[in-house]
Amino acid sequence: MNCLIIGAGQLGSRHLQGLLSLKQEQVIYVLDLSSAAIKIAKERAKEINHSHDIIFISDWDKLPEEFNLVIVATGANVREEVVTHLLERCVVHNLILEKILFQDLEAYDKILNLLEKTNTPTWVNHPRRMLSHFQEIKKTIAKSNEIMTFHVMGGSWGLACNGLHFIDLCAFLVDSTVETIDMDWIDGNIHESKRPNCIEFTGSVKGRMKDESNFLITSLDGELVEVTIFISTTSNRWIIQEGRAQKIIHLSKENNFNPSISSFITEFQSSLTTNIAKDIFESNSSKLPTYKEASASHIPFIEASLAKYREITGIETNICPIT
């Protein structure tokens, strides 16, 4: 297997650990222009016992012309350029893109056309779909055929950067797509992101799915408070505490709404990547959303974020500086 990771920083290095944990023999190329990012990746590769070949490079010209799997873990600001350059020079049999896909709305159709032209199967890394407890909740909702209300609550957890993970989860749980998103309840001040030249929001993003389910995703201004997810239908309620608690409280009509409590273990990106790559190599499929599925949430989210950014800052721009 020839594999490639573009972007070797905090996230890319975890993807590398995931690939290194696979049994299939691989040559893994890691491409990044930053020597600091390459250093992080080298250090984290040493944490995994493996027999794969790793080639760290900063020059596109040193790459082979064909890859079984490519993971693009760069920031959103350069992703369109990176994907375009990649597919113009390499045959890519499977492609995984990090979110947020692109900061510029025009990039979504441009890259879709390129993916279709090159016939490149592509998924977006929204991994909550892979988690067994959400898969079980999805089955229960499907059986009841009831409208879902979905609410996420936490404090300063990165609404602009991470909000799409929860919108994608909402879409997954009810097998629907976003109909509307608005940011009327976003706070009127912009926060600096921990990522350079990017911003963060606090407040709430609300919206409706095409099946009439609705969502409210909240990040309160102030100190970091771990996320709690509330999922409700007429017959069932779930409270999922993420972070250190890792607990699910389930109340069902069938059980007279008496609570049952279970725990779960959050998988790290490295182990998730192992499972993602294994599925792709063995069955040419993935539990992740496809590019088209993810774009159906990303595009309205970027549209709403861009409008709110313009409103708050007074800056006329087509670039939404989130990643």
C-alpha atoms as a PDB file:
ATOM      1  CA  MET A   1       0.000   0.000   0.000  1.00  0.00           C
ATOM      2  CA  ASN A   2       1.209   3.484  -0.892  1.00  0.00           C
ATOM      3  CA  CYS A   3      -0.297   6.025   1.504  1.00  0.00           C
ATOM      4  CA  LEU A   4       0.150   9.763   1.907  1.00  0.00           C
ATOM      5  CA  ILE A   5      -0.614  12.215   4.701  1.00  0.00           C
ATOM      6  CA  ILE A   6      -0.527  15.886   3.727  1.00  0.00           C
ATOM      7  CA  GLY A   7      -0.208  18.028   6.824  1.00  0.00           C
ATOM      8  CA  ALA A   8       1.914  16.516   9.591  1.00  0.00           C
ATOM      9  CA  GLY A   9       0.918  18.633  12.589  1.00  0.00           C
ATOM     10  CA  GLN A  10      -1.213  17.779  15.603  1.00  0.00           C
ATOM     11  CA  LEU A  11      -3.966  16.035  13.631  1.00  0.00           C
ATOM     12  CA  GLY A  12      -1.877  14.664  10.766  1.00  0.00           C
ATOM     13  CA  SER A  13       0.517  13.012  13.207  1.00  0.00           C
ATOM     14  CA  ARG A  14      -2.432  11.191  14.834  1.00  0.00           C
ATOM     15  CA  HIS A  15      -3.548   9.976  11.424  1.00  0.00           C
ATOM     16  CA  LEU A  16      -0.003   8.707  10.928  1.00  0.00           C
ATOM     17  CA  GLN A  17      -0.161   6.743  14.173  1.00  0.00           C
ATOM     18  CA  GLY A  18      -3.417   5.220  12.978  1.00  0.00           C
ATOM     19  CA  LEU A  19      -1.935   4.053   9.688  1.00  0.00           C
ATOM     20  CA  LEU A  20       1.117   2.681  11.473  1.00  0.00           C
ATOM     21  CA  SER A  21      -1.155   0.462  13.580  1.00  0.00           C
ATOM     22  CA  LEU A  22      -2.456  -1.343  10.497  1.00  0.00           C
ATOM     23  CA  LYS A  23      -1.173  -4.835   9.704  1.00  0.00           C
ATOM     24  CA  GLN A  24      -1.115  -4.265   5.938  1.00  0.00           C
ATOM     25  CA  GLU A  25       2.380  -3.466   4.723  1.00  0.00           C
ATOM     26  CA  GLN A  26       2.606   0.194   3.734  1.00  0.00           C
ATOM     27  CA  VAL A  27       4.939   2.848   2.463  1.00  0.00           C
ATOM     28  CA  ILE A  28       3.655   6.006   4.132  1.00  0.00           C
ATOM     29  CA  TYR A  29       4.667   9.405   2.782  1.00  0.00           C
ATOM     30  CA  VAL A  30       4.243  12.399   5.089  1.00  0.00           C
ATOM     31  CA  LEU A  31       4.316  15.760   3.319  1.00  0.00           C
ATOM     32  CA  ASP A  32       4.588  19.096   5.110  1.00  0.00           C
ATOM     33  CA  LEU A  33       6.508  22.306   4.425  1.00  0.00           C
ATOM     34  CA  SER A  34       6.943  22.921   8.168  1.00  0.00           C
ATOM     35  CA  SER A  35       9.970  21.334   9.817  1.00  0.00           C
ATOM     36  CA  ALA A  36       8.241  21.741  13.201  1.00  0.00           C
ATOM     37  CA  ALA A  37       5.243  19.705  11.980  1.00  0.00           C
ATOM     38  CA  ILE A  38       7.530  17.005  10.570  1.00  0.00           C
ATOM     39  CA  LYS A  39       9.290  16.859  13.946  1.00  0.00           C
ATOM     40  CA  ILE A  40       5.959  16.268  15.731  1.00  0.00           C
ATOM     41  CA  ALA A  41       5.088  13.487  13.279  1.00  0.00           C
ATOM     42  CA  LYS A  42       8.477  11.794  13.689  1.00  0.00           C
ATOM     43  CA  GLU A  43       8.177  11.854  17.476  1.00  0.00           C
ATOM     44  CA  ARG A  44       4.668  10.409  17.444  1.00  0.00           C
ATOM     45  CA  ALA A  45       5.626   7.731  14.920  1.00  0.00           C
ATOM     46  CA  LYS A  46       8.186   6.459  17.446  1.00  0.00           C
ATOM     47  CA  GLU A  47       5.330   5.779  19.901  1.00  0.00           C
ATOM     48  CA  ILE A  48       3.959   3.011  17.635  1.00  0.00           C
ATOM     49  CA  ASN A  49       5.616  -0.376  17.143  1.00  0.00           C
ATOM     50  CA  HIS A  50       5.455  -1.057  13.418  1.00  0.00           C
ATOM     51  CA  SER A  51       7.314  -2.424  10.404  1.00  0.00           C
ATOM     52  CA  HIS A  52       6.127   0.112   7.807  1.00  0.00           C
ATOM     53  CA  ASP A  53       8.334   2.447   5.812  1.00  0.00           C
ATOM     54  CA  ILE A  54       7.813   6.164   6.521  1.00  0.00           C
ATOM     55  CA  ILE A  55       9.174   8.815   4.180  1.00  0.00           C
ATOM     56  CA  PHE A  56       9.048  12.409   5.476  1.00  0.00           C
ATOM     57  CA  ILE A  57       9.276  15.013   2.718  1.00  0.00           C
ATOM     58  CA  SER A  58       8.644  18.677   1.987  1.00  0.00           C
ATOM     59  CA  ASP A  59       8.748  18.453  -1.807  1.00  0.00           C
ATOM     60  CA  TRP A  60       5.808  17.383  -3.974  1.00  0.00           C
ATOM     61  CA  ASP A  61       8.196  16.246  -6.712  1.00  0.00           C
ATOM     62  CA  LYS A  62       9.441  13.413  -4.517  1.00  0.00           C
ATOM     63  CA  LEU A  63       6.019  11.762  -4.362  1.00  0.00           C
ATOM     64  CA  PRO A  64       5.069   8.720  -6.453  1.00  0.00           C
ATOM     65  CA  GLU A  65       2.262   9.084  -8.972  1.00  0.00           C
ATOM     66  CA  GLU A  66      -0.264   6.707  -7.397  1.00  0.00           C
ATOM     67  CA  PHE A  67      -1.657   6.208  -3.892  1.00  0.00           C
ATOM     68  CA  ASN A  68      -4.055   3.723  -2.322  1.00  0.00           C
ATOM     69  CA  LEU A  69      -5.043   6.271   0.328  1.00  0.00           C
ATOM     70  CA  VAL A  70      -4.400   9.971   0.885  1.00  0.00           C
ATOM     71  CA  ILE A  71      -5.394  11.912   4.021  1.00  0.00           C
ATOM     72  CA  VAL A  72      -5.379  15.719   3.705  1.00  0.00           C
ATOM     73  CA  ALA A  73      -4.973  17.148   7.216  1.00  0.00           C
ATOM     74  CA  THR A  74      -4.010  20.714   6.339  1.00  0.00           C
ATOM     75  CA  GLY A  75      -5.862  23.831   7.441  1.00  0.00           C
ATOM     76  CA  ALA A  76      -8.989  24.798   5.517  1.00  0.00           C
ATOM     77  CA  ASN A  77      -7.301  27.892   4.065  1.00  0.00           C
ATOM     78  CA  VAL A  78      -5.041  25.839   1.765  1.00  0.00           C
ATOM     79  CA  ARG A  79      -7.124  22.704   1.282  1.00  0.00           C
ATOM     80  CA  GLU A  80      -8.560  23.615  -2.134  1.00  0.00           C
ATOM     81  CA  GLU A  81      -5.091  24.336  -3.491  1.00  0.00           C
ATOM     82  CA  VAL A  82      -3.658  21.150  -1.964  1.00  0.00           C
ATOM     83  CA  VAL A  83      -6.430  18.865  -3.255  1.00  0.00           C
ATOM     84  CA  THR A  84      -6.268  20.412  -6.717  1.00  0.00           C
ATOM     85  CA  HIS A  85      -2.507  19.974  -6.938  1.00  0.00           C
ATOM     86  CA  LEU A  86      -2.735  16.431  -5.580  1.00  0.00           C
ATOM     87  CA  LEU A  87      -5.327  15.238  -8.094  1.00  0.00           C
ATOM     88  CA  GLU A  88      -3.646  16.957 -11.017  1.00  0.00           C
ATOM     89  CA  ARG A  89      -0.404  15.044 -10.460  1.00  0.00           C
ATOM     90  CA  CYS A  90      -1.404  11.792  -8.713  1.00  0.00           C
ATOM     91  CA  VAL A  91      -3.849   8.930  -9.116  1.00  0.00           C
ATOM     92  CA  VAL A  92      -5.637   8.651  -5.766  1.00  0.00           C
ATOM     93  CA  HIS A  93      -7.763   5.554  -5.153  1.00  0.00           C
ATOM     94  CA  ASN A  94      -9.217   6.800  -1.856  1.00  0.00           C
ATOM     95  CA  LEU A  95      -9.188  10.277  -0.310  1.00  0.00           C
ATOM     96  CA  ILE A  96     -10.036  11.514   3.190  1.00  0.00           C
ATOM     97  CA  LEU A  97     -10.387  15.245   3.842  1.00  0.00           C
ATOM     98  CA  GLU A  98     -10.373  16.968   7.198  1.00  0.00           C
ATOM     99  CA  LYS A  99     -12.986  19.523   8.073  1.00  0.00           C
ATOM    100  CA  ILE A 100     -13.794  22.322   7.702  1.00  0.00           C
ATOM    101  CA  LEU A 101     -13.518  21.517   4.015  1.00  0.00           C
ATOM    102  CA  PHE A 102     -13.022  25.014   2.560  1.00  0.00           C
ATOM    103  CA  GLN A 103     -13.380  28.621   3.680  1.00  0.00           C
ATOM    104  CA  ASP A 104     -14.486  29.783   0.218  1.00  0.00           C
ATOM    105  CA  LEU A 105     -17.937  28.685  -0.971  1.00  0.00           C
ATOM    106  CA  GLU A 106     -16.843  28.509  -4.621  1.00  0.00           C
ATOM    107  CA  ALA A 107     -14.326  25.792  -3.739  1.00  0.00           C
ATOM    108  CA  TYR A 108     -17.032  23.221  -2.968  1.00  0.00           C
ATOM    109  CA  ASP A 109     -18.279  22.897  -6.555  1.00  0.00           C
ATOM    110  CA  LYS A 110     -14.781  23.227  -7.992  1.00  0.00           C
ATOM    111  CA  ILE A 111     -13.484  20.306  -5.956  1.00  0.00           C
ATOM    112  CA  LEU A 112     -16.650  18.261  -6.539  1.00  0.00           C
ATOM    113  CA  ASN A 113     -16.126  18.609 -10.291  1.00  0.00           C
ATOM    114  CA  LEU A 114     -12.484  17.591  -9.917  1.00  0.00           C
ATOM    115  CA  LEU A 115     -13.361  14.552  -7.773  1.00  0.00           C
ATOM    116  CA  GLU A 116     -15.930  13.438 -10.343  1.00  0.00           C
ATOM    117  CA  LYS A 117     -13.542  14.060 -13.231  1.00  0.00           C
ATOM    118  CA  THR A 118     -10.831  11.949 -11.586  1.00  0.00           C
ATOM    119  CA  ASN A 119     -13.310   9.401 -10.200  1.00  0.00           C
ATOM    120  CA  THR A 120     -11.824   9.700  -6.695  1.00  0.00           C
ATOM    121  CA  PRO A 121     -13.852   8.182  -3.806  1.00  0.00           C
ATOM    122  CA  THR A 122     -13.740  10.808  -1.072  1.00  0.00           C
ATOM    123  CA  TRP A 123     -14.877  10.963   2.546  1.00  0.00           C
ATOM    124  CA  VAL A 124     -14.802  13.715   5.177  1.00  0.00           C
ATOM    125  CA  ASN A 125     -13.541  13.040   8.692  1.00  0.00           C
ATOM    126  CA  HIS A 126     -16.683  13.347  10.828  1.00  0.00           C
ATOM    127  CA  PRO A 127     -16.000  10.248  12.965  1.00  0.00           C
ATOM    128  CA  ARG A 128     -18.894  10.385  15.466  1.00  0.00           C
ATOM    129  CA  ARG A 129     -20.861   8.411  12.864  1.00  0.00           C
ATOM    130  CA  MET A 130     -18.499   5.513  13.574  1.00  0.00           C
ATOM    131  CA  LEU A 131     -19.191   5.330  17.305  1.00  0.00           C
ATOM    132  CA  SER A 132     -21.329   2.366  18.379  1.00  0.00           C
ATOM    133  CA  HIS A 133     -23.536   4.313  20.813  1.00  0.00           C
ATOM    134  CA  PHE A 134     -24.598   6.764  18.107  1.00  0.00           C
ATOM    135  CA  GLN A 135     -25.231   3.899  15.689  1.00  0.00           C
ATOM    136  CA  GLU A 136     -27.549   2.304  18.278  1.00  0.00           C
ATOM    137  CA  ILE A 137     -29.359   5.611  18.884  1.00  0.00           C
ATOM    138  CA  LYS A 138     -29.832   5.948  15.122  1.00  0.00           C
ATOM    139  CA  LYS A 139     -31.459   2.484  14.959  1.00  0.00           C
ATOM    140  CA  THR A 140     -33.847   3.340  17.802  1.00  0.00           C
ATOM    141  CA  ILE A 141     -34.882   6.622  16.172  1.00  0.00           C
ATOM    142  CA  ALA A 142     -35.429   4.872  12.832  1.00  0.00           C
ATOM    143  CA  LYS A 143     -37.697   2.261  14.444  1.00  0.00           C
ATOM    144  CA  SER A 144     -39.871   4.900  16.102  1.00  0.00           C
ATOM    145  CA  ASN A 145     -40.038   7.104  12.982  1.00  0.00           C
ATOM    146  CA  GLU A 146     -40.317  10.167  15.255  1.00  0.00           C
ATOM    147  CA  ILE A 147     -39.023  13.712  14.825  1.00  0.00           C
ATOM    148  CA  MET A 148     -35.800  14.379  16.718  1.00  0.00           C
ATOM    149  CA  THR A 149     -34.701  17.409  18.711  1.00  0.00           C
ATOM    150  CA  PHE A 150     -30.917  17.657  19.017  1.00  0.00           C
ATOM    151  CA  HIS A 151     -29.114  20.029  21.420  1.00  0.00           C
ATOM    152  CA  VAL A 152     -25.415  20.382  22.186  1.00  0.00           C
ATOM    153  CA  MET A 153     -24.290  22.397  25.221  1.00  0.00           C
ATOM    154  CA  GLY A 154     -20.819  23.342  26.432  1.00  0.00           C
ATOM    155  CA  GLY A 155     -18.539  26.295  27.019  1.00  0.00           C
ATOM    156  CA  SER A 156     -15.825  27.704  24.733  1.00  0.00           C
ATOM    157  CA  TRP A 157     -15.330  24.374  22.975  1.00  0.00           C
ATOM    158  CA  GLY A 158     -14.828  25.829  19.477  1.00  0.00           C
ATOM    159  CA  LEU A 159     -18.228  26.307  17.858  1.00  0.00           C
ATOM    160  CA  ALA A 160     -16.904  27.554  14.512  1.00  0.00           C
ATOM    161  CA  CYS A 161     -14.243  24.854  14.276  1.00  0.00           C
ATOM    162  CA  ASN A 162     -16.226  21.911  15.657  1.00  0.00           C
ATOM    163  CA  GLY A 163     -19.904  22.776  15.170  1.00  0.00           C
ATOM    164  CA  LEU A 164     -20.065  20.864  11.891  1.00  0.00           C
ATOM    165  CA  HIS A 165     -19.220  17.624  13.680  1.00  0.00           C
ATOM    166  CA  PHE A 166     -22.525  17.877  15.515  1.00  0.00           C
ATOM    167  CA  ILE A 167     -24.547  19.013  12.503  1.00  0.00           C
ATOM    168  CA  ASP A 168     -23.185  15.992  10.620  1.00  0.00           C
ATOM    169  CA  LEU A 169     -24.113  13.768  13.574  1.00  0.00           C
ATOM    170  CA  CYS A 170     -27.646  15.196  13.515  1.00  0.00           C
ATOM    171  CA  ALA A 171     -27.918  14.463   9.784  1.00  0.00           C
ATOM    172  CA  PHE A 172     -26.644  10.923  10.359  1.00  0.00           C
ATOM    173  CA  LEU A 173     -29.063  10.129  13.191  1.00  0.00           C
ATOM    174  CA  VAL A 174     -32.169  10.946  11.146  1.00  0.00           C
ATOM    175  CA  ASP A 175     -30.867  10.161   7.635  1.00  0.00           C
ATOM    176  CA  SER A 176     -31.686  13.670   6.487  1.00  0.00           C
ATOM    177  CA  THR A 177     -29.963  16.821   5.246  1.00  0.00           C
ATOM    178  CA  VAL A 178     -29.860  20.417   6.415  1.00  0.00           C
ATOM    179  CA  GLU A 179     -32.746  22.602   5.301  1.00  0.00           C
ATOM    180  CA  THR A 180     -31.865  25.808   7.181  1.00  0.00           C
ATOM    181  CA  ILE A 181     -29.098  27.120   9.432  1.00  0.00           C
ATOM    182  CA  ASP A 182     -29.069  30.514  11.086  1.00  0.00           C
ATOM    183  CA  MET A 183     -26.766  32.271  13.505  1.00  0.00           C
ATOM    184  CA  ASP A 184     -29.129  34.854  14.987  1.00  0.00           C
ATOM    185  CA  TRP A 185     -28.112  33.728  18.458  1.00  0.00           C
ATOM    186  CA  ILE A 186     -24.354  33.976  17.906  1.00  0.00           C
ATOM    187  CA  ASP A 187     -22.715  36.422  20.323  1.00  0.00           C
ATOM    188  CA  GLY A 188     -21.751  39.781  18.881  1.00  0.00           C
ATOM    189  CA  ASN A 189     -18.027  39.468  19.495  1.00  0.00           C
ATOM    190  CA  ILE A 190     -15.393  37.524  17.584  1.00  0.00           C
ATOM    191  CA  HIS A 191     -12.885  35.366  19.448  1.00  0.00           C
ATOM    192  CA  GLU A 192      -9.376  34.521  18.315  1.00  0.00           C
ATOM    193  CA  SER A 193      -8.902  30.871  17.467  1.00  0.00           C
ATOM    194  CA  LYS A 194      -5.962  28.852  18.758  1.00  0.00           C
ATOM    195  CA  ARG A 195      -5.189  28.382  15.072  1.00  0.00           C
ATOM    196  CA  PRO A 196      -3.398  31.339  13.398  1.00  0.00           C
ATOM    197  CA  ASN A 197      -5.493  33.822  11.380  1.00  0.00           C
ATOM    198  CA  CYS A 198      -8.755  32.092  12.304  1.00  0.00           C
ATOM    199  CA  ILE A 199     -11.715  33.088  14.442  1.00  0.00           C
ATOM    200  CA  GLU A 200     -14.163  31.463  16.824  1.00  0.00           C
ATOM    201  CA  PHE A 201     -17.791  32.090  17.752  1.00  0.00           C
ATOM    202  CA  THR A 202     -19.714  31.694  20.995  1.00  0.00           C
ATOM    203  CA  GLY A 203     -23.476  31.555  21.285  1.00  0.00           C
ATOM    204  CA  SER A 204     -25.821  29.211  19.430  1.00  0.00           C
ATOM    205  CA  VAL A 205     -26.266  27.874  15.907  1.00  0.00           C
ATOM    206  CA  LYS A 206     -29.787  26.655  15.220  1.00  0.00           C
ATOM    207  CA  GLY A 207     -31.344  24.907  12.288  1.00  0.00           C
ATOM    208  CA  ARG A 208     -33.784  22.430  10.828  1.00  0.00           C
ATOM    209  CA  MET A 209     -33.341  19.234   8.871  1.00  0.00           C
ATOM    210  CA  LYS A 210     -35.478  18.343   5.860  1.00  0.00           C
ATOM    211  CA  ASP A 211     -37.302  15.691   7.911  1.00  0.00           C
ATOM    212  CA  GLU A 212     -38.356  18.514  10.325  1.00  0.00           C
ATOM    213  CA  SER A 213     -35.926  17.480  13.078  1.00  0.00           C
ATOM    214  CA  ASN A 214     -34.195  20.503  14.576  1.00  0.00           C
ATOM    215  CA  PHE A 215     -30.887  21.282  16.228  1.00  0.00           C
ATOM    216  CA  LEU A 216     -29.420  23.846  18.601  1.00  0.00           C
ATOM    217  CA  ILE A 217     -25.662  23.866  19.118  1.00  0.00           C
ATOM    218  CA  THR A 218     -24.388  26.086  21.922  1.00  0.00           C
ATOM    219  CA  SER A 219     -20.952  27.169  23.103  1.00  0.00           C
ATOM    220  CA  LEU A 220     -21.179  29.580  26.043  1.00  0.00           C
ATOM    221  CA  ASP A 221     -18.617  32.355  26.376  1.00  0.00           C
ATOM    222  CA  GLY A 222     -16.250  31.853  29.305  1.00  0.00           C
ATOM    223  CA  GLU A 223     -14.229  28.930  30.557  1.00  0.00           C
ATOM    224  CA  LEU A 224     -13.994  25.608  28.750  1.00  0.00           C
ATOM    225  CA  VAL A 225     -16.885  23.308  29.667  1.00  0.00           C
ATOM    226  CA  GLU A 226     -17.051  19.849  28.130  1.00  0.00           C
ATOM    227  CA  VAL A 227     -19.855  19.014  25.740  1.00  0.00           C
ATOM    228  CA  THR A 228     -23.159  17.384  26.656  1.00  0.00           C
ATOM    229  CA  ILE A 229     -25.480  16.172  23.866  1.00  0.00           C
ATOM    230  CA  PHE A 230     -29.245  15.992  24.394  1.00  0.00           C
ATOM    231  CA  ILE A 231     -31.217  13.890  21.886  1.00  0.00           C
ATOM    232  CA  SER A 232     -35.004  13.717  22.222  1.00  0.00           C
ATOM    233  CA  THR A 233     -37.929  12.085  20.451  1.00  0.00           C
ATOM    234  CA  THR A 234     -41.443  11.450  21.741  1.00  0.00           C
ATOM    235  CA  SER A 235     -40.481   8.002  23.022  1.00  0.00           C
ATOM    236  CA  ASN A 236     -36.816   8.389  23.957  1.00  0.00           C
ATOM    237  CA  ARG A 237     -34.375  10.811  25.564  1.00  0.00           C
ATOM    238  CA  TRP A 238     -30.609  10.493  25.593  1.00  0.00           C
ATOM    239  CA  ILE A 239     -28.078  12.596  27.502  1.00  0.00           C
ATOM    240  CA  ILE A 240     -24.537  11.917  26.291  1.00  0.00           C
ATOM    241  CA  GLN A 241     -21.772  13.413  28.383  1.00  0.00           C
ATOM    242  CA  GLU A 242     -18.504  13.624  26.481  1.00  0.00           C
ATOM    243  CA  GLY A 243     -15.040  14.486  27.762  1.00  0.00           C
ATOM    244  CA  ARG A 244     -14.037  13.027  31.102  1.00  0.00           C
ATOM    245  CA  ALA A 245     -17.546  11.856  32.097  1.00  0.00           C
ATOM    246  CA  GLN A 246     -18.188   9.575  29.071  1.00  0.00           C
ATOM    247  CA  LYS A 247     -21.670   8.625  30.188  1.00  0.00           C
ATOM    248  CA  ILE A 248     -25.019   7.972  28.480  1.00  0.00           C
ATOM    249  CA  ILE A 249     -28.305   8.455  30.322  1.00  0.00           C
ATOM    250  CA  HIS A 250     -31.260   6.922  28.452  1.00  0.00           C
ATOM    251  CA  LEU A 251     -34.910   7.467  29.329  1.00  0.00           C
ATOM    252  CA  SER A 252     -37.524   5.612  27.288  1.00  0.00           C
ATOM    253  CA  LYS A 253     -41.308   5.424  27.212  1.00  0.00           C
ATOM    254  CA  GLU A 254     -40.946   1.640  27.149  1.00  0.00           C
ATOM    255  CA  ASN A 255     -39.218   1.838  30.558  1.00  0.00           C
ATOM    256  CA  ASN A 256     -41.598   4.508  31.961  1.00  0.00           C
ATOM    257  CA  PHE A 257     -38.806   7.043  31.455  1.00  0.00           C
ATOM    258  CA  ASN A 258     -36.773   5.574  34.282  1.00  0.00           C
ATOM    259  CA  PRO A 259     -33.116   6.373  33.586  1.00  0.00           C
ATOM    260  CA  SER A 260     -30.582   3.741  32.584  1.00  0.00           C
ATOM    261  CA  ILE A 261     -26.940   4.749  32.708  1.00  0.00           C
ATOM    262  CA  SER A 262     -24.096   3.317  30.671  1.00  0.00           C
ATOM    263  CA  SER A 263     -20.541   4.389  29.954  1.00  0.00           C
ATOM    264  CA  PHE A 264     -18.431   4.495  26.822  1.00  0.00           C
ATOM    265  CA  ILE A 265     -14.793   5.046  25.968  1.00  0.00           C
ATOM    266  CA  THR A 266     -13.977   7.827  23.529  1.00  0.00           C
ATOM    267  CA  GLU A 267     -11.711   6.637  20.744  1.00  0.00           C
ATOM    268  CA  PHE A 268      -8.748   8.824  19.852  1.00  0.00           C
ATOM    269  CA  GLN A 269      -8.163   9.900  16.264  1.00  0.00           C
ATOM    270  CA  SER A 270      -5.278   7.452  15.891  1.00  0.00           C
ATOM    271  CA  SER A 271      -7.471   4.395  16.568  1.00  0.00           C
ATOM    272  CA  LEU A 272     -10.308   5.853  14.476  1.00  0.00           C
ATOM    273  CA  THR A 273      -7.919   6.264  11.541  1.00  0.00           C
ATOM    274  CA  THR A 274      -6.865   2.629  11.880  1.00  0.00           C
ATOM    275  CA  ASN A 275     -10.498   1.528  11.543  1.00  0.00           C
ATOM    276  CA  ILE A 276     -11.230   3.980   8.717  1.00  0.00           C
ATOM    277  CA  ALA A 277      -8.257   2.774   6.668  1.00  0.00           C
ATOM    278  CA  LYS A 278      -9.035  -0.890   7.415  1.00  0.00           C
ATOM    279  CA  ASP A 279     -12.610  -0.478   6.134  1.00  0.00           C
ATOM    280  CA  ILE A 280     -11.417   1.272   2.984  1.00  0.00           C
ATOM    281  CA  PHE A 281      -8.694  -1.283   2.215  1.00  0.00           C
ATOM    282  CA  GLU A 282     -10.940  -4.297   2.905  1.00  0.00           C
ATOM    283  CA  SER A 283     -14.288  -3.158   1.489  1.00  0.00           C
ATOM    284  CA  ASN A 284     -13.707   0.083  -0.444  1.00  0.00           C
ATOM    285  CA  SER A 285     -16.184   1.796   1.866  1.00  0.00           C
ATOM    286  CA  SER A 286     -16.269   3.913   5.005  1.00  0.00           C
ATOM    287  CA  LYS A 287     -18.704   4.873   7.757  1.00  0.00           C
ATOM    288  CA  LEU A 288     -17.601   8.488   7.273  1.00  0.00           C
ATOM    289  CA  PRO A 289     -19.830  10.802   5.213  1.00  0.00           C
ATOM    290  CA  THR A 290     -18.981  11.095   1.549  1.00  0.00           C
ATOM    291  CA  TYR A 291     -17.846  14.407   0.119  1.00  0.00           C
ATOM    292  CA  LYS A 292     -21.373  15.125  -1.171  1.00  0.00           C
ATOM    293  CA  GLU A 293     -22.996  14.190   2.141  1.00  0.00           C
ATOM    294  CA  ALA A 294     -20.621  16.394   4.120  1.00  0.00           C
ATOM    295  CA  SER A 295     -20.919  19.291   1.673  1.00  0.00           C
ATOM    296  CA  ALA A 296     -24.685  19.339   2.237  1.00  0.00           C
ATOM    297  CA  SER A 297     -23.930  20.493   5.799  1.00  0.00           C
ATOM    298  CA  HIS A 298     -20.716  22.430   5.188  1.00  0.00           C
ATOM    299  CA  ILE A 299     -22.097  24.779   2.532  1.00  0.00           C
ATOM    300  CA  PRO A 300     -25.038  26.195   4.547  1.00  0.00           C
ATOM    301  CA  PHE A 301     -22.827  26.366   7.655  1.00  0.00           C
ATOM    302  CA  ILE A 302     -20.171  28.390   5.817  1.00  0.00           C
ATOM    303  CA  GLU A 303     -22.864  30.617   4.261  1.00  0.00           C
ATOM    304  CA  ALA A 304     -24.323  31.406   7.690  1.00  0.00           C
ATOM    305  CA  SER A 305     -20.895  31.814   9.327  1.00  0.00           C
ATOM    306  CA  LEU A 306     -19.701  34.155   6.583  1.00  0.00           C
ATOM    307  CA  ALA A 307     -22.827  36.310   6.870  1.00  0.00           C
ATOM    308  CA  LYS A 308     -22.404  36.564  10.659  1.00  0.00           C
ATOM    309  CA  TYR A 309     -18.684  37.328  10.333  1.00  0.00           C
ATOM    310  CA  ARG A 310     -19.431  40.159   7.893  1.00  0.00           C
ATOM    311  CA  GLU A 311     -22.183  41.494  10.151  1.00  0.00           C
ATOM    312  CA  ILE A 312     -20.015  41.562  13.273  1.00  0.00           C
ATOM    313  CA  THR A 313     -16.790  42.863  11.710  1.00  0.00           C
ATOM    314  CA  GLY A 314     -18.075  44.989   8.823  1.00  0.00           C
ATOM    315  CA  ILE A 315     -15.491  43.285   6.604  1.00  0.00           C
ATOM    316  CA  GLU A 316     -16.659  42.513   3.054  1.00  0.00           C
ATOM    317  CA  THR A 317     -15.037  39.206   2.196  1.00  0.00           C
ATOM    318  CA  ASN A 318     -15.863  35.875   0.564  1.00  0.00           C
ATOM    319  CA  ILE A 319     -13.488  34.003   2.857  1.00  0.00           C
ATOM    320  CA  CYS A 320     -14.817  32.648   6.158  1.00  0.00           C
ATOM    321  CA  PRO A 321     -11.711  32.407   8.379  1.00  0.00           C
ATOM    322  CA  ILE A 322     -12.523  29.217  10.286  1.00  0.00           C
ATOM    323  CA  THR A 323     -10.770  25.854  10.192  1.00  0.00           C
END
